[in-house]
């Protein structure tokens, strides 16, 4: 989760794409437009804080409850999510939000 938050803050769309579960609902086949959308979002927002509330995992599935503070033109808002991750080889990939 921390690496994905950092990738949003730095506009590293390639890392976000690489760490998204290809079997999850957020994966997009058109990586070019997906990358452009991620880069535009990152450029329009300032990521000002991340709080990891809790984590748990078994062998191949992990869960992260987090709060991310994000500043946009509309002000600062907090995105709170219970995320599911899946182990893929030696890495974890973001599958979906459980909220």
PDB file of N, CA and C in Angstrom:
ATOM      1  N   UNK A   1       0.828  -1.187   0.000  1.00  0.00           N
ATOM      2  CA  UNK A   1       0.000   0.000   0.000  1.00  0.00           C
ATOM      3  C   UNK A   1       0.870   1.247   0.000  1.00  0.00           C
ATOM      4  N   UNK A   2       1.919   1.227   0.791  1.00  0.00           N
ATOM      5  CA  UNK A   2       2.782   2.408   0.857  1.00  0.00           C
ATOM      6  C   UNK A   2       3.427   2.705  -0.500  1.00  0.00           C
ATOM      7  N   UNK A   3       3.851   1.671  -1.195  1.00  0.00           N
ATOM      8  CA  UNK A   3       4.489   1.911  -2.499  1.00  0.00           C
ATOM      9  C   UNK A   3       3.484   2.460  -3.497  1.00  0.00           C
ATOM     10  N   UNK A   4       2.238   2.022  -3.436  1.00  0.00           N
ATOM     11  CA  UNK A   4       1.220   2.537  -4.353  1.00  0.00           C
ATOM     12  C   UNK A   4       0.883   3.992  -4.018  1.00  0.00           C
ATOM     13  N   UNK A   5       0.785   4.329  -2.729  1.00  0.00           N
ATOM     14  CA  UNK A   5       0.542   5.710  -2.330  1.00  0.00           C
ATOM     15  C   UNK A   5       1.675   6.601  -2.840  1.00  0.00           C
ATOM     16  N   UNK A   6       2.907   6.152  -2.645  1.00  0.00           N
ATOM     17  CA  UNK A   6       4.066   6.915  -3.123  1.00  0.00           C
ATOM     18  C   UNK A   6       4.025   7.066  -4.636  1.00  0.00           C
ATOM     19  N   UNK A   7       3.607   6.017  -5.331  1.00  0.00           N
ATOM     20  CA  UNK A   7       3.515   6.088  -6.791  1.00  0.00           C
ATOM     21  C   UNK A   7       2.478   7.121  -7.226  1.00  0.00           C
ATOM     22  N   UNK A   8       1.352   7.184  -6.530  1.00  0.00           N
ATOM     23  CA  UNK A   8       0.369   8.233  -6.833  1.00  0.00           C
ATOM     24  C   UNK A   8       0.984   9.605  -6.599  1.00  0.00           C
ATOM     25  N   UNK A   9       1.678   9.769  -5.480  1.00  0.00           N
ATOM     26  CA  UNK A   9       2.268  11.066  -5.138  1.00  0.00           C
ATOM     27  C   UNK A   9       3.319  11.494  -6.157  1.00  0.00           C
ATOM     28  N   UNK A  10       4.058  10.542  -6.702  1.00  0.00           N
ATOM     29  CA  UNK A  10       5.136  10.844  -7.645  1.00  0.00           C
ATOM     30  C   UNK A  10       4.694  10.765  -9.111  1.00  0.00           C
ATOM     31  N   UNK A  11       3.460  10.341  -9.346  1.00  0.00           N
ATOM     32  CA  UNK A  11       2.978  10.203 -10.721  1.00  0.00           C
ATOM     33  C   UNK A  11       3.572   9.003 -11.437  1.00  0.00           C
ATOM     34  N   UNK A  12       3.923   7.972 -10.693  1.00  0.00           N
ATOM     35  CA  UNK A  12       4.530   6.766 -11.265  1.00  0.00           C
ATOM     36  C   UNK A  12       3.443   5.782 -11.707  1.00  0.00           C
ATOM     37  N   UNK A  13       2.821   6.080 -12.829  1.00  0.00           N
ATOM     38  CA  UNK A  13       1.719   5.258 -13.331  1.00  0.00           C
ATOM     39  C   UNK A  13       2.167   3.844 -13.652  1.00  0.00           C
ATOM     40  N   UNK A  14       3.378   3.674 -14.105  1.00  0.00           N
ATOM     41  CA  UNK A  14       3.858   2.317 -14.437  1.00  0.00           C
ATOM     42  C   UNK A  14       3.843   1.411 -13.209  1.00  0.00           C
ATOM     43  N   UNK A  15       4.260   1.949 -12.066  1.00  0.00           N
ATOM     44  CA  UNK A  15       4.232   1.143 -10.839  1.00  0.00           C
ATOM     45  C   UNK A  15       2.787   0.807 -10.460  1.00  0.00           C
ATOM     46  N   UNK A  16       1.885   1.768 -10.580  1.00  0.00           N
ATOM     47  CA  UNK A  16       0.487   1.512 -10.249  1.00  0.00           C
ATOM     48  C   UNK A  16      -0.105   0.432 -11.142  1.00  0.00           C
ATOM     49  N   UNK A  17       0.207   0.478 -12.415  1.00  0.00           N
ATOM     50  CA  UNK A  17      -0.288  -0.538 -13.342  1.00  0.00           C
ATOM     51  C   UNK A  17       0.320  -1.891 -13.014  1.00  0.00           C
ATOM     52  N   UNK A  18       1.615  -1.909 -12.762  1.00  0.00           N
ATOM     53  CA  UNK A  18       2.330  -3.157 -12.467  1.00  0.00           C
ATOM     54  C   UNK A  18       1.825  -3.813 -11.180  1.00  0.00           C
ATOM     55  N   UNK A  19       1.342  -3.003 -10.228  1.00  0.00           N
ATOM     56  CA  UNK A  19       0.897  -3.547  -8.945  1.00  0.00           C
ATOM     57  C   UNK A  19      -0.626  -3.621  -8.831  1.00  0.00           C
ATOM     58  N   UNK A  20      -1.309  -3.640  -9.962  1.00  0.00           N
ATOM     59  CA  UNK A  20      -2.756  -3.848  -9.996  1.00  0.00           C
ATOM     60  C   UNK A  20      -3.029  -5.265 -10.481  1.00  0.00           C
ATOM     61  N   UNK A  21      -3.863  -5.970  -9.774  1.00  0.00           N
ATOM     62  CA  UNK A  21      -4.196  -7.359 -10.096  1.00  0.00           C
ATOM     63  C   UNK A  21      -4.853  -7.441 -11.475  1.00  0.00           C
ATOM     64  N   UNK A  22      -4.255  -8.176 -12.416  1.00  0.00           N
ATOM     65  CA  UNK A  22      -4.857  -8.308 -13.743  1.00  0.00           C
ATOM     66  C   UNK A  22      -6.233  -8.975 -13.711  1.00  0.00           C
ATOM     67  N   UNK A  23      -6.546  -9.651 -12.619  1.00  0.00           N
ATOM     68  CA  UNK A  23      -7.855 -10.298 -12.483  1.00  0.00           C
ATOM     69  C   UNK A  23      -8.833  -9.436 -11.685  1.00  0.00           C
ATOM     70  N   UNK A  24      -8.399  -8.260 -11.235  1.00  0.00           N
ATOM     71  CA  UNK A  24      -9.253  -7.373 -10.448  1.00  0.00           C
ATOM     72  C   UNK A  24     -10.051  -6.423 -11.322  1.00  0.00           C
ATOM     73  N   UNK A  25     -11.044  -5.766 -10.747  1.00  0.00           N
ATOM     74  CA  UNK A  25     -11.936  -4.897 -11.513  1.00  0.00           C
ATOM     75  C   UNK A  25     -11.305  -3.582 -11.986  1.00  0.00           C
ATOM     76  N   UNK A  26     -10.151  -3.198 -11.426  1.00  0.00           N
ATOM     77  CA  UNK A  26      -9.534  -1.925 -11.799  1.00  0.00           C
ATOM     78  C   UNK A  26      -8.528  -2.058 -12.932  1.00  0.00           C
ATOM     79  N   UNK A  27      -8.233  -3.274 -13.307  1.00  0.00           N
ATOM     80  CA  UNK A  27      -7.258  -3.495 -14.379  1.00  0.00           C
ATOM     81  C   UNK A  27      -7.869  -3.102 -15.727  1.00  0.00           C
ATOM     82  N   UNK A  28      -7.093  -2.408 -16.545  1.00  0.00           N
ATOM     83  CA  UNK A  28      -7.571  -1.975 -17.867  1.00  0.00           C
ATOM     84  C   UNK A  28      -6.634  -2.504 -18.944  1.00  0.00           C
ATOM     85  N   UNK A  29      -7.191  -3.054 -19.974  1.00  0.00           N
ATOM     86  CA  UNK A  29      -6.394  -3.615 -21.070  1.00  0.00           C
ATOM     87  C   UNK A  29      -5.657  -2.517 -21.840  1.00  0.00           C
ATOM     88  N   UNK A  30      -6.270  -1.363 -21.990  1.00  0.00           N
ATOM     89  CA  UNK A  30      -5.649  -0.249 -22.713  1.00  0.00           C
ATOM     90  C   UNK A  30      -4.721   0.497 -21.758  1.00  0.00           C
ATOM     91  N   UNK A  31      -3.491   0.036 -21.682  1.00  0.00           N
ATOM     92  CA  UNK A  31      -2.552   0.598 -20.720  1.00  0.00           C
ATOM     93  C   UNK A  31      -2.179   2.048 -21.044  1.00  0.00           C
ATOM     94  N   UNK A  32      -2.203   2.425 -22.302  1.00  0.00           N
ATOM     95  CA  UNK A  32      -1.866   3.791 -22.677  1.00  0.00           C
ATOM     96  C   UNK A  32      -2.832   4.801 -22.088  1.00  0.00           C
ATOM     97  N   UNK A  33      -4.118   4.570 -22.263  1.00  0.00           N
ATOM     98  CA  UNK A  33      -5.103   5.510 -21.717  1.00  0.00           C
ATOM     99  C   UNK A  33      -5.169   5.395 -20.194  1.00  0.00           C
ATOM    100  N   UNK A  34      -4.963   4.206 -19.674  1.00  0.00           N
ATOM    101  CA  UNK A  34      -4.945   4.011 -18.227  1.00  0.00           C
ATOM    102  C   UNK A  34      -3.795   4.814 -17.615  1.00  0.00           C
ATOM    103  N   UNK A  35      -2.613   4.698 -18.232  1.00  0.00           N
ATOM    104  CA  UNK A  35      -1.446   5.439 -17.747  1.00  0.00           C
ATOM    105  C   UNK A  35      -1.717   6.947 -17.798  1.00  0.00           C
ATOM    106  N   UNK A  36      -2.296   7.426 -18.889  1.00  0.00           N
ATOM    107  CA  UNK A  36      -2.595   8.855 -19.025  1.00  0.00           C
ATOM    108  C   UNK A  36      -3.576   9.309 -17.946  1.00  0.00           C
ATOM    109  N   UNK A  37      -4.596   8.511 -17.657  1.00  0.00           N
ATOM    110  CA  UNK A  37      -5.565   8.854 -16.611  1.00  0.00           C
ATOM    111  C   UNK A  37      -4.902   8.912 -15.237  1.00  0.00           C
ATOM    112  N   UNK A  38      -4.041   7.941 -14.937  1.00  0.00           N
ATOM    113  CA  UNK A  38      -3.341   7.931 -13.653  1.00  0.00           C
ATOM    114  C   UNK A  38      -2.414   9.138 -13.515  1.00  0.00           C
ATOM    115  N   UNK A  39      -1.694   9.458 -14.576  1.00  0.00           N
ATOM    116  CA  UNK A  39      -0.780  10.600 -14.543  1.00  0.00           C
ATOM    117  C   UNK A  39      -1.543  11.909 -14.367  1.00  0.00           C
ATOM    118  N   UNK A  40      -2.687  12.037 -15.033  1.00  0.00           N
ATOM    119  CA  UNK A  40      -3.503  13.248 -14.895  1.00  0.00           C
ATOM    120  C   UNK A  40      -4.032  13.386 -13.466  1.00  0.00           C
ATOM    121  N   UNK A  41      -4.482  12.285 -12.883  1.00  0.00           N
ATOM    122  CA  UNK A  41      -4.975  12.323 -11.501  1.00  0.00           C
ATOM    123  C   UNK A  41      -3.861  12.728 -10.542  1.00  0.00           C
ATOM    124  N   UNK A  42      -2.697  12.118 -10.705  1.00  0.00           N
ATOM    125  CA  UNK A  42      -1.566  12.427  -9.823  1.00  0.00           C
ATOM    126  C   UNK A  42      -1.131  13.889  -9.954  1.00  0.00           C
ATOM    127  N   UNK A  43      -1.180  14.414 -11.166  1.00  0.00           N
ATOM    128  CA  UNK A  43      -0.775  15.808 -11.387  1.00  0.00           C
ATOM    129  C   UNK A  43      -1.771  16.793 -10.778  1.00  0.00           C
ATOM    130  N   UNK A  44      -3.045  16.391 -10.698  1.00  0.00           N
ATOM    131  CA  UNK A  44      -4.087  17.288 -10.203  1.00  0.00           C
ATOM    132  C   UNK A  44      -4.243  17.240  -8.689  1.00  0.00           C
ATOM    133  N   UNK A  45      -3.562  16.298  -8.041  1.00  0.00           N
ATOM    134  CA  UNK A  45      -3.726  16.122  -6.604  1.00  0.00           C
ATOM    135  C   UNK A  45      -2.380  16.193  -5.892  1.00  0.00           C
ATOM    136  N   UNK A  46      -2.438  16.616  -4.645  1.00  0.00           N
ATOM    137  CA  UNK A  46      -1.258  16.591  -3.789  1.00  0.00           C
ATOM    138  C   UNK A  46      -1.553  15.606  -2.668  1.00  0.00           C
ATOM    139  N   UNK A  47      -0.716  14.605  -2.547  1.00  0.00           N
ATOM    140  CA  UNK A  47      -0.910  13.547  -1.561  1.00  0.00           C
ATOM    141  C   UNK A  47      -0.173  13.955  -0.292  1.00  0.00           C
ATOM    142  N   UNK A  48      -0.944  14.287   0.757  1.00  0.00           N
ATOM    143  CA  UNK A  48      -0.361  14.939   1.928  1.00  0.00           C
ATOM    144  C   UNK A  48      -0.229  14.035   3.152  1.00  0.00           C
ATOM    145  N   UNK A  49      -0.732  12.822   3.100  1.00  0.00           N
ATOM    146  CA  UNK A  49      -0.563  11.944   4.248  1.00  0.00           C
ATOM    147  C   UNK A  49      -1.188  10.586   4.048  1.00  0.00           C
ATOM    148  N   UNK A  50      -0.566   9.593   4.658  1.00  0.00           N
ATOM    149  CA  UNK A  50      -1.079   8.224   4.615  1.00  0.00           C
ATOM    150  C   UNK A  50      -1.016   7.650   6.015  1.00  0.00           C
ATOM    151  N   UNK A  51      -2.137   7.123   6.472  1.00  0.00           N
ATOM    152  CA  UNK A  51      -2.195   6.427   7.750  1.00  0.00           C
ATOM    153  C   UNK A  51      -2.638   4.989   7.492  1.00  0.00           C
ATOM    154  N   UNK A  52      -1.792   4.042   7.859  1.00  0.00           N
ATOM    155  CA  UNK A  52      -2.174   2.631   7.786  1.00  0.00           C
ATOM    156  C   UNK A  52      -2.845   2.309   9.112  1.00  0.00           C
ATOM    157  N   UNK A  53      -4.130   2.008   9.068  1.00  0.00           N
ATOM    158  CA  UNK A  53      -4.901   1.748  10.279  1.00  0.00           C
ATOM    159  C   UNK A  53      -4.677   0.316  10.750  1.00  0.00           C
ATOM    160  N   UNK A  54      -4.722  -0.634   9.814  1.00  0.00           N
ATOM    161  CA  UNK A  54      -4.509  -2.034  10.176  1.00  0.00           C
ATOM    162  C   UNK A  54      -4.151  -2.833   8.930  1.00  0.00           C
ATOM    163  N   UNK A  55      -3.506  -3.967   9.173  1.00  0.00           N
ATOM    164  CA  UNK A  55      -3.186  -4.910   8.107  1.00  0.00           C
ATOM    165  C   UNK A  55      -3.395  -6.321   8.637  1.00  0.00           C
ATOM    166  N   UNK A  56      -3.680  -7.223   7.738  1.00  0.00           N
ATOM    167  CA  UNK A  56      -3.700  -8.644   8.073  1.00  0.00           C
ATOM    168  C   UNK A  56      -3.543  -9.419   6.776  1.00  0.00           C
ATOM    169  N   UNK A  57      -3.006 -10.624   6.880  1.00  0.00           N
ATOM    170  CA  UNK A  57      -2.835 -11.445   5.681  1.00  0.00           C
ATOM    171  C   UNK A  57      -2.745 -12.905   6.047  1.00  0.00           C
ATOM    172  N   UNK A  58      -3.063 -13.717   5.068  1.00  0.00           N
ATOM    173  CA  UNK A  58      -2.767 -15.136   5.166  1.00  0.00           C
ATOM    174  C   UNK A  58      -1.704 -15.402   4.108  1.00  0.00           C
ATOM    175  N   UNK A  59      -1.592 -16.590   3.629  1.00  0.00           N
ATOM    176  CA  UNK A  59      -0.514 -16.917   2.693  1.00  0.00           C
ATOM    177  C   UNK A  59      -0.585 -16.105   1.400  1.00  0.00           C
ATOM    178  N   UNK A  60      -1.774 -15.915   0.849  1.00  0.00           N
ATOM    179  CA  UNK A  60      -1.874 -15.304  -0.478  1.00  0.00           C
ATOM    180  C   UNK A  60      -2.822 -14.122  -0.589  1.00  0.00           C
ATOM    181  N   UNK A  61      -3.528 -13.778   0.466  1.00  0.00           N
ATOM    182  CA  UNK A  61      -4.461 -12.658   0.446  1.00  0.00           C
ATOM    183  C   UNK A  61      -4.122 -11.734   1.612  1.00  0.00           C
ATOM    184  N   UNK A  62      -4.090 -10.428   1.339  1.00  0.00           N
ATOM    185  CA  UNK A  62      -3.817  -9.456   2.385  1.00  0.00           C
ATOM    186  C   UNK A  62      -4.859  -8.356   2.380  1.00  0.00           C
ATOM    187  N   UNK A  63      -5.027  -7.735   3.525  1.00  0.00           N
ATOM    188  CA  UNK A  63      -6.001  -6.662   3.684  1.00  0.00           C
ATOM    189  C   UNK A  63      -5.322  -5.477   4.352  1.00  0.00           C
ATOM    190  N   UNK A  64      -5.599  -4.280   3.845  1.00  0.00           N
ATOM    191  CA  UNK A  64      -5.046  -3.053   4.418  1.00  0.00           C
ATOM    192  C   UNK A  64      -6.180  -2.049   4.585  1.00  0.00           C
ATOM    193  N   UNK A  65      -6.334  -1.558   5.803  1.00  0.00           N
ATOM    194  CA  UNK A  65      -7.274  -0.474   6.069  1.00  0.00           C
ATOM    195  C   UNK A  65      -6.422   0.782   6.164  1.00  0.00           C
ATOM    196  N   UNK A  66      -6.707   1.773   5.315  1.00  0.00           N
ATOM    197  CA  UNK A  66      -5.885   2.990   5.302  1.00  0.00           C
ATOM    198  C   UNK A  66      -6.744   4.237   5.182  1.00  0.00           C
ATOM    199  N   UNK A  67      -6.102   5.363   5.513  1.00  0.00           N
ATOM    200  CA  UNK A  67      -6.675   6.691   5.283  1.00  0.00           C
ATOM    201  C   UNK A  67      -5.614   7.517   4.558  1.00  0.00           C
ATOM    202  N   UNK A  68      -5.981   8.036   3.407  1.00  0.00           N
ATOM    203  CA  UNK A  68      -5.069   8.873   2.626  1.00  0.00           C
ATOM    204  C   UNK A  68      -5.639  10.284   2.560  1.00  0.00           C
ATOM    205  N   UNK A  69      -4.817  11.256   2.903  1.00  0.00           N
ATOM    206  CA  UNK A  69      -5.222  12.660   2.806  1.00  0.00           C
ATOM    207  C   UNK A  69      -4.738  13.205   1.469  1.00  0.00           C
ATOM    208  N   UNK A  70      -5.682  13.773   0.708  1.00  0.00           N
ATOM    209  CA  UNK A  70      -5.396  14.217  -0.651  1.00  0.00           C
ATOM    210  C   UNK A  70      -5.956  15.628  -0.834  1.00  0.00           C
ATOM    211  N   UNK A  71      -5.111  16.525  -1.333  1.00  0.00           N
ATOM    212  CA  UNK A  71      -5.540  17.903  -1.595  1.00  0.00           C
ATOM    213  C   UNK A  71      -5.786  18.058  -3.093  1.00  0.00           C
ATOM    214  N   UNK A  72      -6.952  18.565  -3.428  1.00  0.00           N
ATOM    215  CA  UNK A  72      -7.294  18.904  -4.814  1.00  0.00           C
ATOM    216  C   UNK A  72      -7.781  20.345  -4.823  1.00  0.00           C
ATOM    217  N   UNK A  73      -8.223  20.803  -5.963  1.00  0.00           N
ATOM    218  CA  UNK A  73      -8.768  22.152  -6.059  1.00  0.00           C
ATOM    219  C   UNK A  73      -9.963  22.374  -5.154  1.00  0.00           C
ATOM    220  N   UNK A  74     -10.640  21.311  -4.776  1.00  0.00           N
ATOM    221  CA  UNK A  74     -11.812  21.400  -3.905  1.00  0.00           C
ATOM    222  C   UNK A  74     -11.444  21.369  -2.424  1.00  0.00           C
ATOM    223  N   UNK A  75     -10.158  21.248  -2.108  1.00  0.00           N
ATOM    224  CA  UNK A  75      -9.722  21.193  -0.715  1.00  0.00           C
ATOM    225  C   UNK A  75      -9.132  19.830  -0.376  1.00  0.00           C
ATOM    226  N   UNK A  76      -8.929  19.605   0.906  1.00  0.00           N
ATOM    227  CA  UNK A  76      -8.354  18.336   1.369  1.00  0.00           C
ATOM    228  C   UNK A  76      -9.493  17.388   1.714  1.00  0.00           C
ATOM    229  N   UNK A  77      -9.395  16.174   1.224  1.00  0.00           N
ATOM    230  CA  UNK A  77     -10.348  15.144   1.631  1.00  0.00           C
ATOM    231  C   UNK A  77      -9.569  13.902   2.043  1.00  0.00           C
ATOM    232  N   UNK A  78     -10.223  13.060   2.806  1.00  0.00           N
ATOM    233  CA  UNK A  78      -9.608  11.827   3.276  1.00  0.00           C
ATOM    234  C   UNK A  78     -10.302  10.661   2.601  1.00  0.00           C
ATOM    235  N   UNK A  79      -9.506   9.852   1.920  1.00  0.00           N
ATOM    236  CA  UNK A  79     -10.022   8.618   1.320  1.00  0.00           C
ATOM    237  C   UNK A  79      -9.725   7.494   2.288  1.00  0.00           C
ATOM    238  N   UNK A  80     -10.754   6.853   2.778  1.00  0.00           N
ATOM    239  CA  UNK A  80     -10.590   5.715   3.686  1.00  0.00           C
ATOM    240  C   UNK A  80     -11.058   4.475   2.961  1.00  0.00           C
ATOM    241  N   UNK A  81     -10.259   3.430   3.053  1.00  0.00           N
ATOM    242  CA  UNK A  81     -10.567   2.225   2.274  1.00  0.00           C
ATOM    243  C   UNK A  81     -10.053   0.991   2.999  1.00  0.00           C
ATOM    244  N   UNK A  82     -10.769  -0.095   2.810  1.00  0.00           N
ATOM    245  CA  UNK A  82     -10.312  -1.429   3.197  1.00  0.00           C
ATOM    246  C   UNK A  82      -9.961  -2.122   1.874  1.00  0.00           C
ATOM    247  N   UNK A  83      -8.675  -2.268   1.624  1.00  0.00           N
ATOM    248  CA  UNK A  83      -8.206  -2.809   0.343  1.00  0.00           C
ATOM    249  C   UNK A  83      -7.848  -4.278   0.473  1.00  0.00           C
ATOM    250  N   UNK A  84      -8.026  -4.987  -0.637  1.00  0.00           N
ATOM    251  CA  UNK A  84      -7.631  -6.393  -0.711  1.00  0.00           C
ATOM    252  C   UNK A  84      -6.465  -6.509  -1.693  1.00  0.00           C
ATOM    253  N   UNK A  85      -5.459  -7.250  -1.301  1.00  0.00           N
ATOM    254  CA  UNK A  85      -4.290  -7.510  -2.133  1.00  0.00           C
ATOM    255  C   UNK A  85      -4.136  -9.013  -2.306  1.00  0.00           C
ATOM    256  N   UNK A  86      -3.515  -9.403  -3.404  1.00  0.00           N
ATOM    257  CA  UNK A  86      -3.264 -10.812  -3.689  1.00  0.00           C
ATOM    258  C   UNK A  86      -1.779 -10.990  -3.971  1.00  0.00           C
ATOM    259  N   UNK A  87      -1.216 -12.056  -3.407  1.00  0.00           N
ATOM    260  CA  UNK A  87       0.186 -12.348  -3.674  1.00  0.00           C
ATOM    261  C   UNK A  87       0.305 -12.903  -5.092  1.00  0.00           C
ATOM    262  N   UNK A  88       1.223 -12.311  -5.841  1.00  0.00           N
ATOM    263  CA  UNK A  88       1.501 -12.756  -7.205  1.00  0.00           C
ATOM    264  C   UNK A  88       3.014 -12.955  -7.279  1.00  0.00           C
ATOM    265  N   UNK A  89       3.444 -14.207  -7.187  1.00  0.00           N
ATOM    266  CA  UNK A  89       4.870 -14.479  -7.110  1.00  0.00           C
ATOM    267  C   UNK A  89       5.405 -13.976  -5.785  1.00  0.00           C
ATOM    268  N   UNK A  90       6.423 -13.134  -5.838  1.00  0.00           N
ATOM    269  CA  UNK A  90       7.016 -12.574  -4.620  1.00  0.00           C
ATOM    270  C   UNK A  90       6.451 -11.201  -4.282  1.00  0.00           C
ATOM    271  N   UNK A  91       5.497 -10.714  -5.067  1.00  0.00           N
ATOM    272  CA  UNK A  91       4.943  -9.371  -4.881  1.00  0.00           C
ATOM    273  C   UNK A  91       3.468  -9.449  -4.496  1.00  0.00           C
ATOM    274  N   UNK A  92       2.968  -8.304  -4.041  1.00  0.00           N
ATOM    275  CA  UNK A  92       1.545  -8.150  -3.768  1.00  0.00           C
ATOM    276  C   UNK A  92       0.948  -7.226  -4.819  1.00  0.00           C
ATOM    277  N   UNK A  93      -0.256  -7.544  -5.289  1.00  0.00           N
ATOM    278  CA  UNK A  93      -0.946  -6.686  -6.252  1.00  0.00           C
ATOM    279  C   UNK A  93      -2.301  -6.292  -5.668  1.00  0.00           C
ATOM    280  N   UNK A  94      -2.678  -5.045  -5.944  1.00  0.00           N
ATOM    281  CA  UNK A  94      -3.957  -4.500  -5.471  1.00  0.00           C
ATOM    282  C   UNK A  94      -5.095  -5.157  -6.258  1.00  0.00           C
ATOM    283  N   UNK A  95      -6.041  -5.723  -5.525  1.00  0.00           N
ATOM    284  CA  UNK A  95      -7.183  -6.369  -6.175  1.00  0.00           C
ATOM    285  C   UNK A  95      -8.396  -5.447  -6.217  1.00  0.00           C
ATOM    286  N   UNK A  96      -8.855  -5.005  -5.043  1.00  0.00           N
ATOM    287  CA  UNK A  96     -10.039  -4.151  -5.021  1.00  0.00           C
ATOM    288  C   UNK A  96     -10.236  -3.550  -3.638  1.00  0.00           C
ATOM    289  N   UNK A  97     -11.232  -2.662  -3.585  1.00  0.00           N
ATOM    290  CA  UNK A  97     -11.653  -2.072  -2.320  1.00  0.00           C
ATOM    291  C   UNK A  97     -12.858  -2.869  -1.825  1.00  0.00           C
ATOM    292  N   UNK A  98     -12.876  -3.121  -0.544  1.00  0.00           N
ATOM    293  CA  UNK A  98     -13.954  -3.925   0.013  1.00  0.00           C
ATOM    294  C   UNK A  98     -15.079  -3.070   0.559  1.00  0.00           C
ATOM    295  N   UNK A  99     -14.964  -1.749   0.490  1.00  0.00           N
ATOM    296  CA  UNK A  99     -15.997  -0.846   1.018  1.00  0.00           C
ATOM    297  C   UNK A  99     -17.106  -0.661   0.023  1.00  0.00           C
TER     298      UNK A  99
END
